[in-house]
Amino acid sequence: DVPDGQAYPHVLVSHAHEKPWHTMGGATVGLGWQVGVRLHIYSRYQGDKQALDILERIVTLLNFAILTVTGYPSVFCEYITGRVLVEDVEKIETRHIPAEFKVSVHQ
């Protein structure tokens, strides 16, 4: 949850879900998982620029990050989709970008 009174802009990480991504090899090799993660970017800046700049920075950081997960030599992060929504939060126009990422790990 975002704390009450949280300053804008801010990012919320939510809605993680996983599914198996196993390949041939049995119970000790070939195991893998795909995890979907949704980020929510909130901005009250006039127009879309600030929210889109934050999204661009997040994608840049994740694209070049060296991610490690114990027991899995292969880790991939992929930006799936995002779109700008305009909402009224507390009667103030707020930009909201839900952005989807997929993290895949495999032995």
N, C-alpha and C. Protein backbone atom coordinates (compact mmCIF):
# COMPACT_ATOMS: atom_id res chain seq x y z
N ASP A 1 0.83 -1.19 0.00
CA ASP A 1 0.00 0.00 0.00
C ASP A 1 0.86 1.25 0.00
N VAL A 2 0.31 2.30 -0.55
CA VAL A 2 0.96 3.60 -0.50
C VAL A 2 0.51 4.29 0.78
N PRO A 3 1.45 4.77 1.59
CA PRO A 3 1.06 5.44 2.83
C PRO A 3 0.21 6.68 2.56
N ASP A 4 -0.70 6.98 3.47
CA ASP A 4 -1.50 8.21 3.37
C ASP A 4 -0.56 9.41 3.30
N GLY A 5 -0.88 10.34 2.42
CA GLY A 5 -0.09 11.55 2.30
C GLY A 5 1.21 11.40 1.54
N GLN A 6 1.42 10.25 0.89
CA GLN A 6 2.65 10.02 0.13
C GLN A 6 2.80 11.08 -0.96
N ALA A 7 3.99 11.65 -1.07
CA ALA A 7 4.25 12.68 -2.07
C ALA A 7 4.22 12.07 -3.48
N TYR A 8 3.90 12.91 -4.47
CA TYR A 8 3.94 12.52 -5.88
C TYR A 8 5.20 13.07 -6.49
N PRO A 9 5.83 12.42 -7.44
CA PRO A 9 5.47 11.13 -8.02
C PRO A 9 5.92 9.99 -7.10
N HIS A 10 5.33 8.82 -7.30
CA HIS A 10 5.77 7.62 -6.59
C HIS A 10 5.42 6.38 -7.41
N VAL A 11 6.06 5.27 -7.02
CA VAL A 11 5.90 4.00 -7.73
C VAL A 11 5.46 2.95 -6.72
N LEU A 12 4.47 2.16 -7.09
CA LEU A 12 3.96 1.07 -6.26
C LEU A 12 4.20 -0.24 -7.00
N VAL A 13 4.76 -1.23 -6.32
CA VAL A 13 4.96 -2.57 -6.90
C VAL A 13 3.84 -3.46 -6.39
N SER A 14 3.12 -4.10 -7.32
CA SER A 14 1.99 -4.93 -6.89
C SER A 14 1.72 -6.05 -7.89
N HIS A 15 0.76 -6.86 -7.56
CA HIS A 15 0.21 -7.90 -8.44
C HIS A 15 1.24 -8.86 -9.00
N ALA A 16 2.09 -9.40 -8.14
CA ALA A 16 3.04 -10.43 -8.60
C ALA A 16 2.31 -11.76 -8.72
N HIS A 17 2.59 -12.48 -9.78
CA HIS A 17 2.04 -13.82 -9.97
C HIS A 17 3.09 -14.65 -10.70
N GLU A 18 3.04 -15.96 -10.49
CA GLU A 18 4.05 -16.82 -11.10
C GLU A 18 3.40 -17.99 -11.81
N LYS A 19 4.18 -18.57 -12.73
CA LYS A 19 3.74 -19.80 -13.39
C LYS A 19 4.98 -20.62 -13.72
N PRO A 20 4.86 -21.94 -13.76
CA PRO A 20 6.01 -22.80 -14.07
C PRO A 20 6.52 -22.54 -15.49
N TRP A 21 7.81 -22.67 -15.67
CA TRP A 21 8.46 -22.53 -16.98
C TRP A 21 9.52 -23.63 -17.08
N HIS A 22 9.10 -24.86 -16.79
CA HIS A 22 9.99 -26.01 -16.77
C HIS A 22 10.22 -26.54 -18.18
N THR A 23 11.41 -27.10 -18.38
CA THR A 23 11.72 -27.76 -19.65
C THR A 23 12.18 -29.18 -19.33
N MET A 24 12.47 -29.94 -20.34
CA MET A 24 12.87 -31.33 -20.13
C MET A 24 14.14 -31.40 -19.30
N GLY A 25 14.22 -32.42 -18.46
CA GLY A 25 15.41 -32.61 -17.66
C GLY A 25 15.12 -33.19 -16.29
N GLY A 26 13.86 -33.29 -15.94
CA GLY A 26 13.52 -33.92 -14.66
C GLY A 26 13.40 -32.92 -13.53
N ALA A 27 13.42 -33.48 -12.32
CA ALA A 27 13.15 -32.67 -11.13
C ALA A 27 14.34 -31.85 -10.66
N THR A 28 15.54 -32.12 -11.19
CA THR A 28 16.71 -31.39 -10.70
C THR A 28 17.33 -30.46 -11.72
N VAL A 29 16.99 -30.60 -12.99
CA VAL A 29 17.46 -29.67 -14.03
C VAL A 29 16.27 -29.33 -14.92
N GLY A 30 16.34 -28.21 -15.56
CA GLY A 30 15.25 -27.81 -16.44
C GLY A 30 14.12 -27.10 -15.74
N LEU A 31 14.30 -26.79 -14.45
CA LEU A 31 13.25 -26.08 -13.72
C LEU A 31 13.31 -24.60 -14.01
N GLY A 32 12.16 -23.99 -14.11
CA GLY A 32 12.11 -22.55 -14.35
C GLY A 32 10.78 -21.97 -13.92
N TRP A 33 10.77 -20.67 -13.76
CA TRP A 33 9.55 -19.94 -13.36
C TRP A 33 9.50 -18.62 -14.09
N GLN A 34 8.29 -18.19 -14.39
CA GLN A 34 8.06 -16.86 -14.93
C GLN A 34 7.19 -16.11 -13.93
N VAL A 35 7.65 -14.93 -13.56
CA VAL A 35 6.94 -14.12 -12.57
C VAL A 35 6.53 -12.82 -13.24
N GLY A 36 5.24 -12.54 -13.19
CA GLY A 36 4.74 -11.27 -13.70
C GLY A 36 4.64 -10.28 -12.55
N VAL A 37 5.09 -9.06 -12.78
CA VAL A 37 5.06 -8.01 -11.76
C VAL A 37 4.46 -6.76 -12.40
N ARG A 38 3.55 -6.14 -11.70
CA ARG A 38 2.95 -4.89 -12.18
C ARG A 38 3.44 -3.74 -11.31
N LEU A 39 3.97 -2.72 -11.97
CA LEU A 39 4.36 -1.48 -11.30
C LEU A 39 3.32 -0.42 -11.62
N HIS A 40 3.02 0.42 -10.66
CA HIS A 40 2.10 1.54 -10.87
C HIS A 40 2.88 2.83 -10.63
N ILE A 41 2.94 3.66 -11.64
CA ILE A 41 3.61 4.95 -11.55
C ILE A 41 2.54 6.02 -11.44
N TYR A 42 2.66 6.88 -10.42
CA TYR A 42 1.68 7.95 -10.20
C TYR A 42 2.38 9.29 -10.26
N SER A 43 1.79 10.23 -10.99
CA SER A 43 2.35 11.57 -11.12
C SER A 43 1.22 12.59 -11.20
N ARG A 44 1.46 13.76 -10.62
CA ARG A 44 0.50 14.86 -10.74
C ARG A 44 1.05 16.01 -11.57
N TYR A 45 2.14 15.73 -12.25
CA TYR A 45 2.74 16.71 -13.15
C TYR A 45 1.76 16.97 -14.30
N GLN A 46 1.68 18.20 -14.76
CA GLN A 46 0.79 18.54 -15.88
C GLN A 46 1.26 17.81 -17.13
N GLY A 47 0.44 16.95 -17.68
CA GLY A 47 0.80 16.18 -18.86
C GLY A 47 1.44 14.85 -18.49
N ASP A 48 1.86 14.10 -19.53
CA ASP A 48 2.34 12.73 -19.35
C ASP A 48 3.85 12.63 -19.14
N LYS A 49 4.60 13.70 -19.39
CA LYS A 49 6.06 13.62 -19.46
C LYS A 49 6.71 13.04 -18.21
N GLN A 50 6.37 13.52 -17.03
CA GLN A 50 7.03 13.03 -15.83
C GLN A 50 6.80 11.53 -15.63
N ALA A 51 5.57 11.08 -15.76
CA ALA A 51 5.26 9.65 -15.58
C ALA A 51 5.98 8.80 -16.63
N LEU A 52 6.02 9.26 -17.87
CA LEU A 52 6.71 8.51 -18.92
C LEU A 52 8.22 8.51 -18.71
N ASP A 53 8.79 9.61 -18.20
CA ASP A 53 10.22 9.64 -17.89
C ASP A 53 10.56 8.64 -16.78
N ILE A 54 9.69 8.52 -15.78
CA ILE A 54 9.91 7.56 -14.71
C ILE A 54 9.85 6.13 -15.27
N LEU A 55 8.86 5.86 -16.12
CA LEU A 55 8.77 4.53 -16.75
C LEU A 55 10.02 4.24 -17.56
N GLU A 56 10.48 5.19 -18.34
CA GLU A 56 11.68 4.99 -19.16
C GLU A 56 12.89 4.66 -18.28
N ARG A 57 13.02 5.35 -17.15
CA ARG A 57 14.14 5.10 -16.24
C ARG A 57 14.06 3.70 -15.64
N ILE A 58 12.86 3.27 -15.24
CA ILE A 58 12.68 1.93 -14.68
C ILE A 58 13.04 0.87 -15.71
N VAL A 59 12.56 1.03 -16.94
CA VAL A 59 12.87 0.06 -18.01
C VAL A 59 14.36 0.02 -18.27
N THR A 60 15.01 1.18 -18.30
CA THR A 60 16.46 1.24 -18.52
C THR A 60 17.20 0.51 -17.41
N LEU A 61 16.83 0.74 -16.17
CA LEU A 61 17.50 0.08 -15.05
C LEU A 61 17.32 -1.44 -15.09
N LEU A 62 16.11 -1.90 -15.38
CA LEU A 62 15.86 -3.33 -15.39
C LEU A 62 16.48 -4.01 -16.61
N ASN A 63 16.55 -3.33 -17.74
CA ASN A 63 17.15 -3.92 -18.94
C ASN A 63 18.63 -4.20 -18.75
N PHE A 64 19.32 -3.39 -17.97
CA PHE A 64 20.76 -3.54 -17.82
C PHE A 64 21.16 -4.07 -16.45
N ALA A 65 20.20 -4.40 -15.62
CA ALA A 65 20.52 -4.92 -14.29
C ALA A 65 21.05 -6.34 -14.38
N ILE A 66 22.00 -6.64 -13.52
CA ILE A 66 22.47 -8.02 -13.39
C ILE A 66 21.66 -8.61 -12.25
N LEU A 67 20.69 -9.44 -12.59
CA LEU A 67 19.81 -10.03 -11.61
C LEU A 67 20.31 -11.43 -11.27
N THR A 68 20.31 -11.76 -9.99
CA THR A 68 20.71 -13.10 -9.58
C THR A 68 19.62 -13.70 -8.71
N VAL A 69 19.35 -14.96 -8.94
CA VAL A 69 18.41 -15.73 -8.13
C VAL A 69 19.12 -17.04 -7.80
N THR A 70 19.31 -17.31 -6.53
CA THR A 70 20.03 -18.50 -6.09
C THR A 70 19.42 -19.76 -6.71
N GLY A 71 20.28 -20.58 -7.30
CA GLY A 71 19.85 -21.84 -7.90
C GLY A 71 19.45 -21.74 -9.36
N TYR A 72 19.46 -20.53 -9.92
CA TYR A 72 19.06 -20.34 -11.32
C TYR A 72 20.12 -19.50 -12.04
N PRO A 73 20.90 -20.12 -12.93
CA PRO A 73 21.95 -19.37 -13.62
C PRO A 73 21.41 -18.39 -14.67
N SER A 74 20.19 -18.60 -15.14
CA SER A 74 19.62 -17.71 -16.15
C SER A 74 18.47 -16.91 -15.55
N VAL A 75 18.60 -15.59 -15.65
CA VAL A 75 17.54 -14.69 -15.17
C VAL A 75 17.32 -13.63 -16.24
N PHE A 76 16.07 -13.46 -16.67
CA PHE A 76 15.73 -12.51 -17.70
C PHE A 76 14.62 -11.60 -17.19
N CYS A 77 14.70 -10.32 -17.51
CA CYS A 77 13.62 -9.39 -17.19
C CYS A 77 13.16 -8.75 -18.49
N GLU A 78 11.86 -8.71 -18.70
CA GLU A 78 11.30 -8.21 -19.95
C GLU A 78 10.16 -7.24 -19.65
N TYR A 79 10.22 -6.06 -20.26
CA TYR A 79 9.12 -5.09 -20.18
C TYR A 79 8.03 -5.55 -21.14
N ILE A 80 6.81 -5.69 -20.65
CA ILE A 80 5.71 -6.19 -21.47
C ILE A 80 4.88 -5.04 -22.03
N THR A 81 4.29 -4.23 -21.15
CA THR A 81 3.42 -3.16 -21.63
C THR A 81 3.19 -2.12 -20.55
N GLY A 82 2.80 -0.96 -20.97
CA GLY A 82 2.41 0.12 -20.07
C GLY A 82 1.56 1.11 -20.85
N ARG A 83 0.70 1.81 -20.15
CA ARG A 83 -0.13 2.82 -20.81
C ARG A 83 -0.48 3.91 -19.81
N VAL A 84 -0.63 5.12 -20.30
CA VAL A 84 -0.94 6.25 -19.43
C VAL A 84 -2.45 6.34 -19.24
N LEU A 85 -2.86 6.36 -17.98
CA LEU A 85 -4.25 6.58 -17.63
C LEU A 85 -4.34 7.92 -16.90
N VAL A 86 -5.43 8.63 -17.10
CA VAL A 86 -5.65 9.88 -16.37
C VAL A 86 -6.80 9.64 -15.41
N GLU A 87 -6.54 9.87 -14.12
CA GLU A 87 -7.53 9.61 -13.08
C GLU A 87 -7.69 10.84 -12.21
N ASP A 88 -8.79 10.91 -11.52
CA ASP A 88 -8.99 11.94 -10.51
C ASP A 88 -8.79 11.30 -9.15
N VAL A 89 -7.67 11.65 -8.51
CA VAL A 89 -7.38 11.15 -7.17
C VAL A 89 -7.52 12.35 -6.23
N GLU A 90 -8.43 12.24 -5.29
CA GLU A 90 -8.72 13.34 -4.37
C GLU A 90 -9.05 14.62 -5.15
N LYS A 91 -9.78 14.45 -6.25
CA LYS A 91 -10.22 15.54 -7.13
C LYS A 91 -9.07 16.28 -7.80
N ILE A 92 -7.92 15.62 -7.92
CA ILE A 92 -6.76 16.18 -8.60
C ILE A 92 -6.39 15.26 -9.75
N GLU A 93 -6.21 15.85 -10.94
CA GLU A 93 -5.84 15.05 -12.10
C GLU A 93 -4.49 14.38 -11.86
N THR A 94 -4.48 13.06 -11.99
CA THR A 94 -3.30 12.26 -11.69
C THR A 94 -3.01 11.32 -12.85
N ARG A 95 -1.74 11.29 -13.29
CA ARG A 95 -1.33 10.33 -14.31
C ARG A 95 -0.99 9.02 -13.61
N HIS A 96 -1.45 7.92 -14.18
CA HIS A 96 -1.22 6.59 -13.61
C HIS A 96 -0.80 5.68 -14.76
N ILE A 97 0.40 5.10 -14.65
CA ILE A 97 0.86 4.15 -15.65
C ILE A 97 1.01 2.78 -14.99
N PRO A 98 0.09 1.85 -15.27
CA PRO A 98 0.35 0.46 -14.87
C PRO A 98 1.30 -0.15 -15.91
N ALA A 99 2.43 -0.67 -15.44
CA ALA A 99 3.44 -1.24 -16.34
C ALA A 99 3.70 -2.68 -15.94
N GLU A 100 3.68 -3.57 -16.93
CA GLU A 100 3.86 -5.00 -16.69
C GLU A 100 5.27 -5.44 -17.08
N PHE A 101 5.87 -6.23 -16.19
CA PHE A 101 7.18 -6.82 -16.44
C PHE A 101 7.10 -8.32 -16.23
N LYS A 102 7.96 -9.05 -16.92
CA LYS A 102 8.05 -10.49 -16.73
C LYS A 102 9.50 -10.83 -16.39
N VAL A 103 9.69 -11.53 -15.27
CA VAL A 103 11.00 -12.01 -14.87
C VAL A 103 10.98 -13.53 -15.02
N SER A 104 11.92 -14.06 -15.78
CA SER A 104 12.01 -15.50 -16.02
C SER A 104 13.31 -16.02 -15.44
N VAL A 105 13.24 -17.13 -14.70
CA VAL A 105 14.43 -17.79 -14.18
C VAL A 105 14.41 -19.23 -14.67
N HIS A 106 15.62 -19.76 -14.97
CA HIS A 106 15.71 -21.11 -15.50
C HIS A 106 17.03 -21.73 -15.11
N GLN A 107 17.00 -23.03 -14.83
CA GLN A 107 18.23 -23.76 -14.50
C GLN A 107 19.01 -24.07 -15.76
